[in-house]
Every structure is written in structure tokens, then in C-alpha cells.
């Protein structure tokens, strides 16, 4: 149902999907171009891309929500409106990912004796450090699933970023199978678009935003 509704909306609004996707691609292109540009432009483009990533994505998702609800997409207005909130969204995500990866690396590579002692003699390599590392890897996967709903929730319910993360976590836990399936579909779609090269620039942002917004709306209606 979500896939059907999303496909219908994408085919009904091709111009908006392309515009939103181009807008979404801008910070990624800026980050990618940074290392190849001479100083001082290179570091400036690289830093600007990272700082604008959250606000641009939030403005793009806001515009897709406008399209779904029959309004005109407002990309630049959305960027101004969500500049601070989008930056906060990005910073919290970056902090969570860095902390999770640091914990994963610590437990997997730590030389501490208590972490390197085998837990079960008949499973070589299974140590307490590996178990804790796998738990942190699970946390990273869970955080990835939360991203499917966090930004849509902030925009649909007009709540703060922290409330969006909290509610998204609840939706993931209550709808684990649906969330895993949605992540697979989104990943496959993004993978196919990446293989086409230009397709990821012209279609990824608009397509994924409509898909995740429709999925979030469907879960909220059934909650």
C-alpha cells in the first residue's frame, strides 16, 4: 500500500520530484567537490556541504510533504525555516553515530584481558569484547531504522528533534518487520539510482522523501 501510494505520487509530480532531488543533491555535491577544489574554495565547499546537509534535507522533506498534501513545494522557504532545526538534527545524528562507532571499535579492538577472554570454548573468537561490539553494531542498525521516521515525524507532527527521535524509536520497535522491509526497499532503490549515476541526483531525494513520509503517515494512522 505504501509503495503503491508513493509510486502514484512520484509519477503524478515528476517536476517536483526532480526539483527536490536536485536540491537534496547540492550539499552532497559540495562535499564531494571540496577535496578537488583549490584553497580556500575546497575547504569552504566541504564545510558548507556538511553544515547545510541537515537543513537542506529537512527543507526537501518539508517540500515533499507539501506535495503530498496538495500544496506548492517551497524549497528555499523551507531552508530558511528549518536552518537551525536541520542543523541540530544533523549534529545529533553525527554525535550518535560517532559515539556508537567509537564504542564498537573500543570493544572489538580493546586489549583488556576481561574483554579478550573466550566466552565459550567451542566458538573460537567469541569474546566479551566481540559480544559488546555486536551489541553496539545492533544499536547502529537501530539508529539507521530510526532515520526512516525521525524527520518525517518532526515535520508531520511539528515537534522538536528529540521528540521526533523518541517517537521514531517507538515506531521502529512496534513495527520492526515493516521498518526492516522499508529499509531494504529504500536501500535497494538508492543502490539502483547510484548505479545509474545521474539518476541519484535527479530522483533520489524526491523519491525517498515521499516514500518515508508515506510510510510514517501510514504507521501513525494505524497507531
Foldseek 3Di string as FASTA:
>chain_A
DLVVVLVVLCVVCVPLQQVLLLLLCQLVVLLVCLVVDDPPSSVVSNVVSLLQNQLQLLLSLLQLVCSVVVHHRDRVVSSVVCNPQRNVLSVVLVVLVVVLVVLLCCLLPPPDPQSQDAPDPVDPPHGNSNVSSVVSVVVVVLQVLLVLFLSLCCNVVVDGSVVSSVVSSVLCVVPVVVSVVLVVVLVVVCVVCVVVPVSSSRHNSSSSSSSSNSVNVVSVVVD
